[in-house]
Amino acid sequence: MALPLSAIGHAKKLFRPCLEYATNQKLTRRDRFLAEIDSVTPWGKLHQAVEPIYRKVEGTGRPPIGLARMLRMYVAQQCFGLSDEDIEDAIYDSQSIRAFPGIDLVGESAPYATTLLKFRHLLEVNG
């Protein structure tokens, strides 16, 4: 079954920003900042510290988001001073913030603000 022309046009609009970003030679200040954060953050130590308290796959329902991704989203959220809702929106709005935790909107969606809230509370409670 062929897609209607309106759907094809919509798909082109969705993919154009990704292609434009991939072929863009200029790094933004946000790209450089996140690269610096990535290089100085002890990801392995953070992962080891949080992994014992991060929930495992249990029962029915959606599987948890990977710990590495959640840590990166939390770090980006703290670096930019964003609320849970704002970091969710920033993932949709900003290619550099989306790339930092490795989210590809073609095949997945951004974690919900409530997921980020629960992760942040988990970190706060377990200090």
PDB file of N, CA and C in Angstrom:
ATOM      1  N   MET A   1       0.839  -1.172   0.000  1.00  0.00           N
ATOM      2  CA  MET A   1       0.000   0.000   0.000  1.00  0.00           C
ATOM      3  C   MET A   1       0.886   1.238   0.000  1.00  0.00           C
ATOM      4  N   ALA A   2       0.653   2.143  -0.901  1.00  0.00           N
ATOM      5  CA  ALA A   2       1.463   3.353  -1.028  1.00  0.00           C
ATOM      6  C   ALA A   2       1.033   4.394  -0.005  1.00  0.00           C
ATOM      7  N   LEU A   3       2.009   5.145   0.462  1.00  0.00           N
ATOM      8  CA  LEU A   3       1.716   6.231   1.392  1.00  0.00           C
ATOM      9  C   LEU A   3       1.124   7.413   0.636  1.00  0.00           C
ATOM     10  N   PRO A   4       0.175   8.118   1.238  1.00  0.00           N
ATOM     11  CA  PRO A   4      -0.334   9.325   0.587  1.00  0.00           C
ATOM     12  C   PRO A   4       0.777  10.371   0.534  1.00  0.00           C
ATOM     13  N   LEU A   5       0.692  11.248  -0.445  1.00  0.00           N
ATOM     14  CA  LEU A   5       1.719  12.276  -0.619  1.00  0.00           C
ATOM     15  C   LEU A   5       1.887  13.132   0.631  1.00  0.00           C
ATOM     16  N   SER A   6       0.809  13.388   1.352  1.00  0.00           N
ATOM     17  CA  SER A   6       0.922  14.205   2.567  1.00  0.00           C
ATOM     18  C   SER A   6       1.784  13.508   3.615  1.00  0.00           C
ATOM     19  N   ALA A   7       1.704  12.178   3.718  1.00  0.00           N
ATOM     20  CA  ALA A   7       2.523  11.438   4.681  1.00  0.00           C
ATOM     21  C   ALA A   7       3.987  11.471   4.284  1.00  0.00           C
ATOM     22  N   ILE A   8       4.260  11.376   2.997  1.00  0.00           N
ATOM     23  CA  ILE A   8       5.640  11.427   2.517  1.00  0.00           C
ATOM     24  C   ILE A   8       6.234  12.805   2.792  1.00  0.00           C
ATOM     25  N   GLY A   9       5.470  13.845   2.542  1.00  0.00           N
ATOM     26  CA  GLY A   9       5.943  15.200   2.833  1.00  0.00           C
ATOM     27  C   GLY A   9       6.214  15.393   4.310  1.00  0.00           C
ATOM     28  N   HIS A  10       5.345  14.839   5.148  1.00  0.00           N
ATOM     29  CA  HIS A  10       5.533  14.939   6.596  1.00  0.00           C
ATOM     30  C   HIS A  10       6.801  14.194   7.015  1.00  0.00           C
ATOM     31  N   ALA A  11       7.036  13.023   6.460  1.00  0.00           N
ATOM     32  CA  ALA A  11       8.239  12.252   6.790  1.00  0.00           C
ATOM     33  C   ALA A  11       9.497  13.010   6.393  1.00  0.00           C
ATOM     34  N   LYS A  12       9.481  13.660   5.253  1.00  0.00           N
ATOM     35  CA  LYS A  12      10.645  14.445   4.825  1.00  0.00           C
ATOM     36  C   LYS A  12      10.927  15.575   5.805  1.00  0.00           C
ATOM     37  N   LYS A  13       9.870  16.210   6.303  1.00  0.00           N
ATOM     38  CA  LYS A  13      10.052  17.285   7.281  1.00  0.00           C
ATOM     39  C   LYS A  13      10.659  16.757   8.568  1.00  0.00           C
ATOM     40  N   LEU A  14      10.260  15.540   8.973  1.00  0.00           N
ATOM     41  CA  LEU A  14      10.792  14.963  10.199  1.00  0.00           C
ATOM     42  C   LEU A  14      12.262  14.587  10.058  1.00  0.00           C
ATOM     43  N   PHE A  15      12.655  14.056   8.917  1.00  0.00           N
ATOM     44  CA  PHE A  15      14.021  13.586   8.736  1.00  0.00           C
ATOM     45  C   PHE A  15      14.984  14.691   8.336  1.00  0.00           C
ATOM     46  N   ARG A  16      14.495  15.765   7.769  1.00  0.00           N
ATOM     47  CA  ARG A  16      15.363  16.844   7.298  1.00  0.00           C
ATOM     48  C   ARG A  16      16.264  17.405   8.403  1.00  0.00           C
ATOM     49  N   PRO A  17      15.737  17.702   9.608  1.00  0.00           N
ATOM     50  CA  PRO A  17      16.627  18.228  10.645  1.00  0.00           C
ATOM     51  C   PRO A  17      17.754  17.268  11.008  1.00  0.00           C
ATOM     52  N   CYS A  18      17.472  15.966  11.044  1.00  0.00           N
ATOM     53  CA  CYS A  18      18.518  14.988  11.364  1.00  0.00           C
ATOM     54  C   CYS A  18      19.594  14.986  10.290  1.00  0.00           C
ATOM     55  N   LEU A  19      19.179  15.031   9.028  1.00  0.00           N
ATOM     56  CA  LEU A  19      20.140  15.050   7.939  1.00  0.00           C
ATOM     57  C   LEU A  19      20.928  16.345   7.930  1.00  0.00           C
ATOM     58  N   GLU A  20      20.248  17.452   8.174  1.00  0.00           N
ATOM     59  CA  GLU A  20      20.936  18.742   8.216  1.00  0.00           C
ATOM     60  C   GLU A  20      21.953  18.765   9.343  1.00  0.00           C
ATOM     61  N   TYR A  21      21.591  18.234  10.494  1.00  0.00           N
ATOM     62  CA  TYR A  21      22.500  18.221  11.632  1.00  0.00           C
ATOM     63  C   TYR A  21      23.702  17.334  11.348  1.00  0.00           C
ATOM     64  N   ALA A  22      23.451  16.168  10.732  1.00  0.00           N
ATOM     65  CA  ALA A  22      24.531  15.225  10.447  1.00  0.00           C
ATOM     66  C   ALA A  22      25.530  15.787   9.454  1.00  0.00           C
ATOM     67  N   THR A  23      25.078  16.611   8.521  1.00  0.00           N
ATOM     68  CA  THR A  23      25.987  17.154   7.515  1.00  0.00           C
ATOM     69  C   THR A  23      26.545  18.521   7.904  1.00  0.00           C
ATOM     70  N   ASN A  24      26.079  19.070   9.014  1.00  0.00           N
ATOM     71  CA  ASN A  24      26.557  20.373   9.477  1.00  0.00           C
ATOM     72  C   ASN A  24      27.976  20.232  10.014  1.00  0.00           C
ATOM     73  N   GLN A  25      28.881  21.064   9.555  1.00  0.00           N
ATOM     74  CA  GLN A  25      30.276  20.994   9.975  1.00  0.00           C
ATOM     75  C   GLN A  25      30.560  21.822  11.223  1.00  0.00           C
ATOM     76  N   LYS A  26      29.686  22.741  11.552  1.00  0.00           N
ATOM     77  CA  LYS A  26      29.915  23.621  12.698  1.00  0.00           C
ATOM     78  C   LYS A  26      29.387  22.978  13.975  1.00  0.00           C
ATOM     79  N   LEU A  27      30.226  22.953  14.994  1.00  0.00           N
ATOM     80  CA  LEU A  27      29.774  22.508  16.300  1.00  0.00           C
ATOM     81  C   LEU A  27      29.218  23.707  17.052  1.00  0.00           C
ATOM     82  N   THR A  28      28.074  23.522  17.654  1.00  0.00           N
ATOM     83  CA  THR A  28      27.489  24.605  18.431  1.00  0.00           C
ATOM     84  C   THR A  28      28.161  24.683  19.794  1.00  0.00           C
ATOM     85  N   ARG A  29      27.913  25.764  20.506  1.00  0.00           N
ATOM     86  CA  ARG A  29      28.439  25.877  21.874  1.00  0.00           C
ATOM     87  C   ARG A  29      27.887  24.752  22.735  1.00  0.00           C
ATOM     88  N   ARG A  30      26.641  24.397  22.516  1.00  0.00           N
ATOM     89  CA  ARG A  30      26.040  23.300  23.281  1.00  0.00           C
ATOM     90  C   ARG A  30      26.735  21.981  22.967  1.00  0.00           C
ATOM     91  N   ASP A  31      27.060  21.737  21.684  1.00  0.00           N
ATOM     92  CA  ASP A  31      27.791  20.526  21.313  1.00  0.00           C
ATOM     93  C   ASP A  31      29.134  20.462  22.032  1.00  0.00           C
ATOM     94  N   ARG A  32      29.857  21.582  22.017  1.00  0.00           N
ATOM     95  CA  ARG A  32      31.181  21.620  22.658  1.00  0.00           C
ATOM     96  C   ARG A  32      31.064  21.434  24.163  1.00  0.00           C
ATOM     97  N   PHE A  33      30.070  22.081  24.766  1.00  0.00           N
ATOM     98  CA  PHE A  33      29.859  21.962  26.208  1.00  0.00           C
ATOM     99  C   PHE A  33      29.563  20.512  26.588  1.00  0.00           C
ATOM    100  N   LEU A  34      28.654  19.867  25.863  1.00  0.00           N
ATOM    101  CA  LEU A  34      28.311  18.484  26.176  1.00  0.00           C
ATOM    102  C   LEU A  34      29.478  17.532  25.924  1.00  0.00           C
ATOM    103  N   ALA A  35      30.294  17.818  24.927  1.00  0.00           N
ATOM    104  CA  ALA A  35      31.495  17.001  24.689  1.00  0.00           C
ATOM    105  C   ALA A  35      32.463  17.130  25.865  1.00  0.00           C
ATOM    106  N   GLU A  36      32.591  18.334  26.389  1.00  0.00           N
ATOM    107  CA  GLU A  36      33.459  18.547  27.549  1.00  0.00           C
ATOM    108  C   GLU A  36      32.901  17.822  28.773  1.00  0.00           C
ATOM    109  N   ILE A  37      31.608  17.945  28.997  1.00  0.00           N
ATOM    110  CA  ILE A  37      30.967  17.234  30.113  1.00  0.00           C
ATOM    111  C   ILE A  37      31.176  15.731  29.963  1.00  0.00           C
ATOM    112  N   ASP A  38      31.014  15.235  28.751  1.00  0.00           N
ATOM    113  CA  ASP A  38      31.202  13.807  28.493  1.00  0.00           C
ATOM    114  C   ASP A  38      32.615  13.364  28.829  1.00  0.00           C
ATOM    115  N   SER A  39      33.589  14.198  28.500  1.00  0.00           N
ATOM    116  CA  SER A  39      34.988  13.804  28.709  1.00  0.00           C
ATOM    117  C   SER A  39      35.419  13.864  30.177  1.00  0.00           C
ATOM    118  N   VAL A  40      34.784  14.705  30.983  1.00  0.00           N
ATOM    119  CA  VAL A  40      35.215  14.837  32.383  1.00  0.00           C
ATOM    120  C   VAL A  40      34.342  14.057  33.371  1.00  0.00           C
ATOM    121  N   THR A  41      33.229  13.523  32.925  1.00  0.00           N
ATOM    122  CA  THR A  41      32.330  12.799  33.823  1.00  0.00           C
ATOM    123  C   THR A  41      32.795  11.349  33.962  1.00  0.00           C
ATOM    124  N   PRO A  42      32.940  10.876  35.201  1.00  0.00           N
ATOM    125  CA  PRO A  42      33.359   9.481  35.420  1.00  0.00           C
ATOM    126  C   PRO A  42      32.170   8.520  35.255  1.00  0.00           C
ATOM    127  N   TRP A  43      31.786   8.274  34.009  1.00  0.00           N
ATOM    128  CA  TRP A  43      30.581   7.495  33.731  1.00  0.00           C
ATOM    129  C   TRP A  43      30.631   6.110  34.359  1.00  0.00           C
ATOM    130  N   GLY A  44      31.771   5.457  34.290  1.00  0.00           N
ATOM    131  CA  GLY A  44      31.886   4.105  34.858  1.00  0.00           C
ATOM    132  C   GLY A  44      31.614   4.089  36.353  1.00  0.00           C
ATOM    133  N   LYS A  45      32.177   5.044  37.078  1.00  0.00           N
ATOM    134  CA  LYS A  45      31.966   5.114  38.529  1.00  0.00           C
ATOM    135  C   LYS A  45      30.514   5.445  38.851  1.00  0.00           C
ATOM    136  N   LEU A  46      29.924   6.359  38.089  1.00  0.00           N
ATOM    137  CA  LEU A  46      28.505   6.688  38.310  1.00  0.00           C
ATOM    138  C   LEU A  46      27.626   5.461  38.078  1.00  0.00           C
ATOM    139  N   HIS A  47      27.905   4.754  37.006  1.00  0.00           N
ATOM    140  CA  HIS A  47      27.118   3.567  36.673  1.00  0.00           C
ATOM    141  C   HIS A  47      27.234   2.536  37.790  1.00  0.00           C
ATOM    142  N   GLN A  48      28.448   2.304  38.279  1.00  0.00           N
ATOM    143  CA  GLN A  48      28.649   1.328  39.354  1.00  0.00           C
ATOM    144  C   GLN A  48      27.941   1.742  40.639  1.00  0.00           C
ATOM    145  N   ALA A  49      27.907   3.041  40.919  1.00  0.00           N
ATOM    146  CA  ALA A  49      27.264   3.524  42.144  1.00  0.00           C
ATOM    147  C   ALA A  49      25.741   3.411  42.088  1.00  0.00           C
ATOM    148  N   VAL A  50      25.163   3.625  40.915  1.00  0.00           N
ATOM    149  CA  VAL A  50      23.703   3.663  40.791  1.00  0.00           C
ATOM    150  C   VAL A  50      23.118   2.302  40.421  1.00  0.00           C
ATOM    151  N   GLU A  51      23.861   1.473  39.762  1.00  0.00           N
ATOM    152  CA  GLU A  51      23.345   0.202  39.246  1.00  0.00           C
ATOM    153  C   GLU A  51      22.688  -0.667  40.319  1.00  0.00           C
ATOM    154  N   PRO A  52      23.235  -0.769  41.530  1.00  0.00           N
ATOM    155  CA  PRO A  52      22.580  -1.624  42.538  1.00  0.00           C
ATOM    156  C   PRO A  52      21.178  -1.144  42.954  1.00  0.00           C
ATOM    157  N   ILE A  53      20.897   0.139  42.823  1.00  0.00           N
ATOM    158  CA  ILE A  53      19.584   0.649  43.254  1.00  0.00           C
ATOM    159  C   ILE A  53      18.622   0.873  42.099  1.00  0.00           C
ATOM    160  N   TYR A  54      19.118   0.762  40.856  1.00  0.00           N
ATOM    161  CA  TYR A  54      18.261   0.988  39.696  1.00  0.00           C
ATOM    162  C   TYR A  54      17.408  -0.242  39.472  1.00  0.00           C
ATOM    163  N   ARG A  55      16.127  -0.028  39.212  1.00  0.00           N
ATOM    164  CA  ARG A  55      15.199  -1.162  39.130  1.00  0.00           C
ATOM    165  C   ARG A  55      15.516  -2.078  37.950  1.00  0.00           C
ATOM    166  N   LYS A  56      15.290  -3.334  38.191  1.00  0.00           N
ATOM    167  CA  LYS A  56      15.493  -4.355  37.169  1.00  0.00           C
ATOM    168  C   LYS A  56      14.152  -4.628  36.483  1.00  0.00           C
ATOM    169  N   VAL A  57      14.204  -5.332  35.380  1.00  0.00           N
ATOM    170  CA  VAL A  57      12.977  -5.682  34.663  1.00  0.00           C
ATOM    171  C   VAL A  57      12.191  -6.670  35.514  1.00  0.00           C
ATOM    172  N   GLU A  58      10.968  -6.282  35.846  1.00  0.00           N
ATOM    173  CA  GLU A  58      10.105  -7.134  36.657  1.00  0.00           C
ATOM    174  C   GLU A  58       8.677  -7.038  36.143  1.00  0.00           C
ATOM    175  N   GLY A  59       7.990  -8.165  36.111  1.00  0.00           N
ATOM    176  CA  GLY A  59       6.570  -8.176  35.783  1.00  0.00           C
ATOM    177  C   GLY A  59       6.262  -7.642  34.401  1.00  0.00           C
ATOM    178  N   THR A  60       5.015  -7.233  34.264  1.00  0.00           N
ATOM    179  CA  THR A  60       4.570  -6.683  32.999  1.00  0.00           C
ATOM    180  C   THR A  60       4.766  -5.178  33.022  1.00  0.00           C
ATOM    181  N   GLY A  61       4.560  -4.581  31.943  1.00  0.00           N
ATOM    182  CA  GLY A  61       4.762  -3.141  31.850  1.00  0.00           C
ATOM    183  C   GLY A  61       5.988  -2.845  30.991  1.00  0.00           C
ATOM    184  N   ARG A  62       6.226  -1.578  30.836  1.00  0.00           N
ATOM    185  CA  ARG A  62       7.341  -1.176  29.984  1.00  0.00           C
ATOM    186  C   ARG A  62       8.667  -1.495  30.656  1.00  0.00           C
ATOM    187  N   PRO A  63       9.644  -1.957  29.879  1.00  0.00           N
ATOM    188  CA  PRO A  63      10.961  -2.208  30.473  1.00  0.00           C
ATOM    189  C   PRO A  63      11.614  -0.880  30.858  1.00  0.00           C
ATOM    190  N   PRO A  64      12.479  -0.910  31.867  1.00  0.00           N
ATOM    191  CA  PRO A  64      13.127   0.336  32.271  1.00  0.00           C
ATOM    192  C   PRO A  64      14.071   0.838  31.180  1.00  0.00           C
ATOM    193  N   ILE A  65      14.299   2.128  31.196  1.00  0.00           N
ATOM    194  CA  ILE A  65      15.244   2.741  30.270  1.00  0.00           C
ATOM    195  C   ILE A  65      16.639   2.434  30.784  1.00  0.00           C
ATOM    196  N   GLY A  66      17.571   2.223  29.886  1.00  0.00           N
ATOM    197  CA  GLY A  66      18.926   1.884  30.275  1.00  0.00           C
ATOM    198  C   GLY A  66      19.531   2.888  31.249  1.00  0.00           C
ATOM    199  N   LEU A  67      20.306   2.381  32.184  1.00  0.00           N
ATOM    200  CA  LEU A  67      20.896   3.225  33.207  1.00  0.00           C
ATOM    201  C   LEU A  67      21.826   4.269  32.611  1.00  0.00           C
ATOM    202  N   ALA A  68      22.637   3.894  31.646  1.00  0.00           N
ATOM    203  CA  ALA A  68      23.560   4.859  31.033  1.00  0.00           C
ATOM    204  C   ALA A  68      22.801   6.029  30.424  1.00  0.00           C
ATOM    205  N   ARG A  69      21.700   5.742  29.771  1.00  0.00           N
ATOM    206  CA  ARG A  69      20.881   6.794  29.159  1.00  0.00           C
ATOM    207  C   ARG A  69      20.272   7.697  30.223  1.00  0.00           C
ATOM    208  N   MET A  70      19.755   7.105  31.298  1.00  0.00           N
ATOM    209  CA  MET A  70      19.141   7.897  32.361  1.00  0.00           C
ATOM    210  C   MET A  70      20.185   8.786  33.052  1.00  0.00           C
ATOM    211  N   LEU A  71      21.383   8.259  33.276  1.00  0.00           N
ATOM    212  CA  LEU A  71      22.436   9.068  33.887  1.00  0.00           C
ATOM    213  C   LEU A  71      22.791  10.251  33.003  1.00  0.00           C
ATOM    214  N   ARG A  72      22.899  10.027  31.706  1.00  0.00           N
ATOM    215  CA  ARG A  72      23.243  11.109  30.785  1.00  0.00           C
ATOM    216  C   ARG A  72      22.137  12.162  30.729  1.00  0.00           C
ATOM    217  N   MET A  73      20.899  11.718  30.771  1.00  0.00           N
ATOM    218  CA  MET A  73      19.798  12.683  30.769  1.00  0.00           C
ATOM    219  C   MET A  73      19.798  13.485  32.067  1.00  0.00           C
ATOM    220  N   TYR A  74      20.076  12.827  33.178  1.00  0.00           N
ATOM    221  CA  TYR A  74      20.126  13.514  34.461  1.00  0.00           C
ATOM    222  C   TYR A  74      21.252  14.547  34.471  1.00  0.00           C
ATOM    223  N   VAL A  75      22.420  14.174  33.969  1.00  0.00           N
ATOM    224  CA  VAL A  75      23.551  15.110  33.926  1.00  0.00           C
ATOM    225  C   VAL A  75      23.213  16.304  33.032  1.00  0.00           C
ATOM    226  N   ALA A  76      22.640  16.050  31.857  1.00  0.00           N
ATOM    227  CA  ALA A  76      22.255  17.157  30.966  1.00  0.00           C
ATOM    228  C   ALA A  76      21.223  18.052  31.653  1.00  0.00           C
ATOM    229  N   GLN A  77      20.272  17.448  32.326  1.00  0.00           N
ATOM    230  CA  GLN A  77      19.245  18.208  33.031  1.00  0.00           C
ATOM    231  C   GLN A  77      19.880  19.132  34.067  1.00  0.00           C
ATOM    232  N   GLN A  78      20.824  18.609  34.836  1.00  0.00           N
ATOM    233  CA  GLN A  78      21.467  19.408  35.876  1.00  0.00           C
ATOM    234  C   GLN A  78      22.366  20.495  35.281  1.00  0.00           C
ATOM    235  N   CYS A  79      23.075  20.169  34.218  1.00  0.00           N
ATOM    236  CA  CYS A  79      23.982  21.148  33.592  1.00  0.00           C
ATOM    237  C   CYS A  79      23.233  22.350  33.032  1.00  0.00           C
ATOM    238  N   PHE A  80      22.058  22.125  32.491  1.00  0.00           N
ATOM    239  CA  PHE A  80      21.296  23.209  31.882  1.00  0.00           C
ATOM    240  C   PHE A  80      20.211  23.763  32.814  1.00  0.00           C
ATOM    241  N   GLY A  81      20.112  23.211  34.028  1.00  0.00           N
ATOM    242  CA  GLY A  81      19.129  23.709  34.990  1.00  0.00           C
ATOM    243  C   GLY A  81      17.694  23.528  34.522  1.00  0.00           C
ATOM    244  N   LEU A  82      17.400  22.368  33.947  1.00  0.00           N
ATOM    245  CA  LEU A  82      16.077  22.117  33.373  1.00  0.00           C
ATOM    246  C   LEU A  82      15.208  21.301  34.317  1.00  0.00           C
ATOM    247  N   SER A  83      13.912  21.555  34.269  1.00  0.00           N
ATOM    248  CA  SER A  83      12.957  20.731  35.005  1.00  0.00           C
ATOM    249  C   SER A  83      12.807  19.400  34.277  1.00  0.00           C
ATOM    250  N   ASP A  84      12.088  18.489  34.891  1.00  0.00           N
ATOM    251  CA  ASP A  84      11.853  17.190  34.254  1.00  0.00           C
ATOM    252  C   ASP A  84      11.110  17.361  32.931  1.00  0.00           C
ATOM    253  N   GLU A  85      10.112  18.228  32.925  1.00  0.00           N
ATOM    254  CA  GLU A  85       9.363  18.480  31.689  1.00  0.00           C
ATOM    255  C   GLU A  85      10.242  19.163  30.645  1.00  0.00           C
ATOM    256  N   ASP A  86      11.104  20.074  31.101  1.00  0.00           N
ATOM    257  CA  ASP A  86      11.962  20.799  30.158  1.00  0.00           C
ATOM    258  C   ASP A  86      13.008  19.907  29.495  1.00  0.00           C
ATOM    259  N   ILE A  87      13.564  18.947  30.227  1.00  0.00           N
ATOM    260  CA  ILE A  87      14.557  18.065  29.601  1.00  0.00           C
ATOM    261  C   ILE A  87      13.863  17.137  28.605  1.00  0.00           C
ATOM    262  N   GLU A  88      12.638  16.715  28.916  1.00  0.00           N
ATOM    263  CA  GLU A  88      11.876  15.915  27.948  1.00  0.00           C
ATOM    264  C   GLU A  88      11.664  16.723  26.670  1.00  0.00           C
ATOM    265  N   ASP A  89      11.241  17.977  26.807  1.00  0.00           N
ATOM    266  CA  ASP A  89      11.045  18.834  25.637  1.00  0.00           C
ATOM    267  C   ASP A  89      12.361  19.101  24.908  1.00  0.00           C
ATOM    268  N   ALA A  90      13.438  19.304  25.663  1.00  0.00           N
ATOM    269  CA  ALA A  90      14.737  19.601  25.050  1.00  0.00           C
ATOM    270  C   ALA A  90      15.225  18.443  24.182  1.00  0.00           C
ATOM    271  N   ILE A  91      14.879  17.233  24.558  1.00  0.00           N
ATOM    272  CA  ILE A  91      15.269  16.080  23.749  1.00  0.00           C
ATOM    273  C   ILE A  91      14.589  16.144  22.389  1.00  0.00           C
ATOM    274  N   TYR A  92      13.351  16.596  22.366  1.00  0.00           N
ATOM    275  CA  TYR A  92      12.653  16.744  21.092  1.00  0.00           C
ATOM    276  C   TYR A  92      13.141  17.974  20.321  1.00  0.00           C
ATOM    277  N   ASP A  93      13.514  19.017  21.029  1.00  0.00           N
ATOM    278  CA  ASP A  93      13.869  20.289  20.392  1.00  0.00           C
ATOM    279  C   ASP A  93      15.332  20.406  19.971  1.00  0.00           C
ATOM    280  N   SER A  94      16.238  19.762  20.675  1.00  0.00           N
ATOM    281  CA  SER A  94      17.663  19.980  20.467  1.00  0.00           C
ATOM    282  C   SER A  94      18.382  18.699  20.058  1.00  0.00           C
ATOM    283  N   GLN A  95      18.959  18.712  18.873  1.00  0.00           N
ATOM    284  CA  GLN A  95      19.692  17.543  18.396  1.00  0.00           C
ATOM    285  C   GLN A  95      20.898  17.251  19.287  1.00  0.00           C
ATOM    286  N   SER A  96      21.588  18.270  19.765  1.00  0.00           N
ATOM    287  CA  SER A  96      22.774  18.024  20.594  1.00  0.00           C
ATOM    288  C   SER A  96      22.383  17.405  21.936  1.00  0.00           C
ATOM    289  N   ILE A  97      21.309  17.862  22.546  1.00  0.00           N
ATOM    290  CA  ILE A  97      20.867  17.255  23.802  1.00  0.00           C
ATOM    291  C   ILE A  97      20.342  15.845  23.545  1.00  0.00           C
ATOM    292  N   ARG A  98      19.674  15.639  22.436  1.00  0.00           N
ATOM    293  CA  ARG A  98      19.172  14.315  22.074  1.00  0.00           C
ATOM    294  C   ARG A  98      20.320  13.340  21.833  1.00  0.00           C
ATOM    295  N   ALA A  99      21.400  13.816  21.224  1.00  0.00           N
ATOM    296  CA  ALA A  99      22.538  12.938  20.922  1.00  0.00           C
ATOM    297  C   ALA A  99      23.317  12.569  22.181  1.00  0.00           C
ATOM    298  N   PHE A 100      23.331  13.434  23.183  1.00  0.00           N
ATOM    299  CA  PHE A 100      24.112  13.186  24.399  1.00  0.00           C
ATOM    300  C   PHE A 100      23.721  11.871  25.074  1.00  0.00           C
ATOM    301  N   PRO A 101      22.431  11.586  25.295  1.00  0.00           N
ATOM    302  CA  PRO A 101      22.074  10.274  25.846  1.00  0.00           C
ATOM    303  C   PRO A 101      21.882   9.204  24.769  1.00  0.00           C
ATOM    304  N   GLY A 102      22.013   9.592  23.502  1.00  0.00           N
ATOM    305  CA  GLY A 102      21.906   8.621  22.411  1.00  0.00           C
ATOM    306  C   GLY A 102      20.484   8.258  22.042  1.00  0.00           C
ATOM    307  N   ILE A 103      19.618   9.237  22.009  1.00  0.00           N
ATOM    308  CA  ILE A 103      18.217   8.987  21.655  1.00  0.00           C
ATOM    309  C   ILE A 103      18.011   9.276  20.178  1.00  0.00           C
ATOM    310  N   ASP A 104      17.420   8.323  19.484  1.00  0.00           N
ATOM    311  CA  ASP A 104      17.108   8.455  18.066  1.00  0.00           C
ATOM    312  C   ASP A 104      15.594   8.466  17.931  1.00  0.00           C
ATOM    313  N   LEU A 105      15.031   9.615  17.638  1.00  0.00           N
ATOM    314  CA  LEU A 105      13.574   9.750  17.609  1.00  0.00           C
ATOM    315  C   LEU A 105      12.916   9.006  16.455  1.00  0.00           C
ATOM    316  N   VAL A 106      13.709   8.498  15.536  1.00  0.00           N
ATOM    317  CA  VAL A 106      13.130   7.729  14.439  1.00  0.00           C
ATOM    318  C   VAL A 106      12.532   6.427  14.972  1.00  0.00           C
ATOM    319  N   GLY A 107      13.203   5.807  15.943  1.00  0.00           N
ATOM    320  CA  GLY A 107      12.724   4.525  16.434  1.00  0.00           C
ATOM    321  C   GLY A 107      12.249   4.511  17.868  1.00  0.00           C
ATOM    322  N   GLU A 108      12.320   5.627  18.555  1.00  0.00           N
ATOM    323  CA  GLU A 108      11.930   5.659  19.964  1.00  0.00           C
ATOM    324  C   GLU A 108      11.492   7.065  20.347  1.00  0.00           C
ATOM    325  N   SER A 109      10.896   7.180  21.493  1.00  0.00           N
ATOM    326  CA  SER A 109      10.510   8.499  21.971  1.00  0.00           C
ATOM    327  C   SER A 109      11.369   8.854  23.180  1.00  0.00           C
ATOM    328  N   ALA A 110      11.321  10.095  23.550  1.00  0.00           N
ATOM    329  CA  ALA A 110      12.047  10.535  24.738  1.00  0.00           C
ATOM    330  C   ALA A 110      11.353   9.968  25.972  1.00  0.00           C
ATOM    331  N   PRO A 111      12.112   9.675  27.012  1.00  0.00           N
ATOM    332  CA  PRO A 111      11.472   9.246  28.259  1.00  0.00           C
ATOM    333  C   PRO A 111      10.536  10.336  28.784  1.00  0.00           C
ATOM    334  N   TYR A 112       9.463   9.918  29.380  1.00  0.00           N
ATOM    335  CA  TYR A 112       8.499  10.862  29.930  1.00  0.00           C
ATOM    336  C   TYR A 112       9.102  11.611  31.113  1.00  0.00           C
ATOM    337  N   ALA A 113       8.578  12.797  31.370  1.00  0.00           N
ATOM    338  CA  ALA A 113       9.035  13.601  32.496  1.00  0.00           C
ATOM    339  C   ALA A 113       8.873  12.841  33.814  1.00  0.00           C
ATOM    340  N   THR A 114       7.816  12.045  33.937  1.00  0.00           N
ATOM    341  CA  THR A 114       7.618  11.286  35.180  1.00  0.00           C
ATOM    342  C   THR A 114       8.693  10.225  35.367  1.00  0.00           C
ATOM    343  N   THR A 115       9.195   9.663  34.276  1.00  0.00           N
ATOM    344  CA  THR A 115      10.294   8.701  34.364  1.00  0.00           C
ATOM    345  C   THR A 115      11.541   9.394  34.890  1.00  0.00           C
ATOM    346  N   LEU A 116      11.799  10.597  34.382  1.00  0.00           N
ATOM    347  CA  LEU A 116      12.952  11.366  34.848  1.00  0.00           C
ATOM    348  C   LEU A 116      12.780  11.763  36.310  1.00  0.00           C
ATOM    349  N   LEU A 117      11.572  12.144  36.686  1.00  0.00           N
ATOM    350  CA  LEU A 117      11.275  12.512  38.069  1.00  0.00           C
ATOM    351  C   LEU A 117      11.566  11.343  39.014  1.00  0.00           C
ATOM    352  N   LYS A 118      11.094  10.166  38.665  1.00  0.00           N
ATOM    353  CA  LYS A 118      11.318   8.985  39.509  1.00  0.00           C
ATOM    354  C   LYS A 118      12.805   8.649  39.611  1.00  0.00           C
ATOM    355  N   PHE A 119      13.543   8.791  38.513  1.00  0.00           N
ATOM    356  CA  PHE A 119      14.979   8.521  38.536  1.00  0.00           C
ATOM    357  C   PHE A 119      15.692   9.538  39.424  1.00  0.00           C
ATOM    358  N   ARG A 120      15.329  10.789  39.300  1.00  0.00           N
ATOM    359  CA  ARG A 120      15.938  11.837  40.113  1.00  0.00           C
ATOM    360  C   ARG A 120      15.648  11.595  41.594  1.00  0.00           C
ATOM    361  N   HIS A 121      14.421  11.235  41.914  1.00  0.00           N
ATOM    362  CA  HIS A 121      14.066  10.935  43.304  1.00  0.00           C
ATOM    363  C   HIS A 121      14.839   9.713  43.822  1.00  0.00           C
ATOM    364  N   LEU A 122      15.031   8.718  42.976  1.00  0.00           N
ATOM    365  CA  LEU A 122      15.818   7.543  43.344  1.00  0.00           C
ATOM    366  C   LEU A 122      17.240   7.969  43.730  1.00  0.00           C
ATOM    367  N   LEU A 123      17.822   8.853  42.947  1.00  0.00           N
ATOM    368  CA  LEU A 123      19.176   9.326  43.251  1.00  0.00           C
ATOM    369  C   LEU A 123      19.194  10.142  44.540  1.00  0.00           C
ATOM    370  N   GLU A 124      18.193  10.993  44.734  1.00  0.00           N
ATOM    371  CA  GLU A 124      18.140  11.840  45.921  1.00  0.00           C
ATOM    372  C   GLU A 124      17.946  11.019  47.200  1.00  0.00           C
ATOM    373  N   VAL A 125      17.070  10.039  47.152  1.00  0.00           N
ATOM    374  CA  VAL A 125      16.780   9.212  48.329  1.00  0.00           C
ATOM    375  C   VAL A 125      17.985   8.346  48.711  1.00  0.00           C
ATOM    376  N   ASN A 126      18.697   7.875  47.704  1.00  0.00           N
ATOM    377  CA  ASN A 126      19.810   6.962  47.954  1.00  0.00           C
ATOM    378  C   ASN A 126      21.156   7.667  48.001  1.00  0.00           C
ATOM    379  N   GLY A 127      21.115   8.975  47.955  1.00  0.00           N
ATOM    380  CA  GLY A 127      22.225   9.878  48.105  1.00  0.00           C
ATOM    381  C   GLY A 127      23.509   9.575  47.500  1.00  0.00           C
TER     382      GLY A 127
END
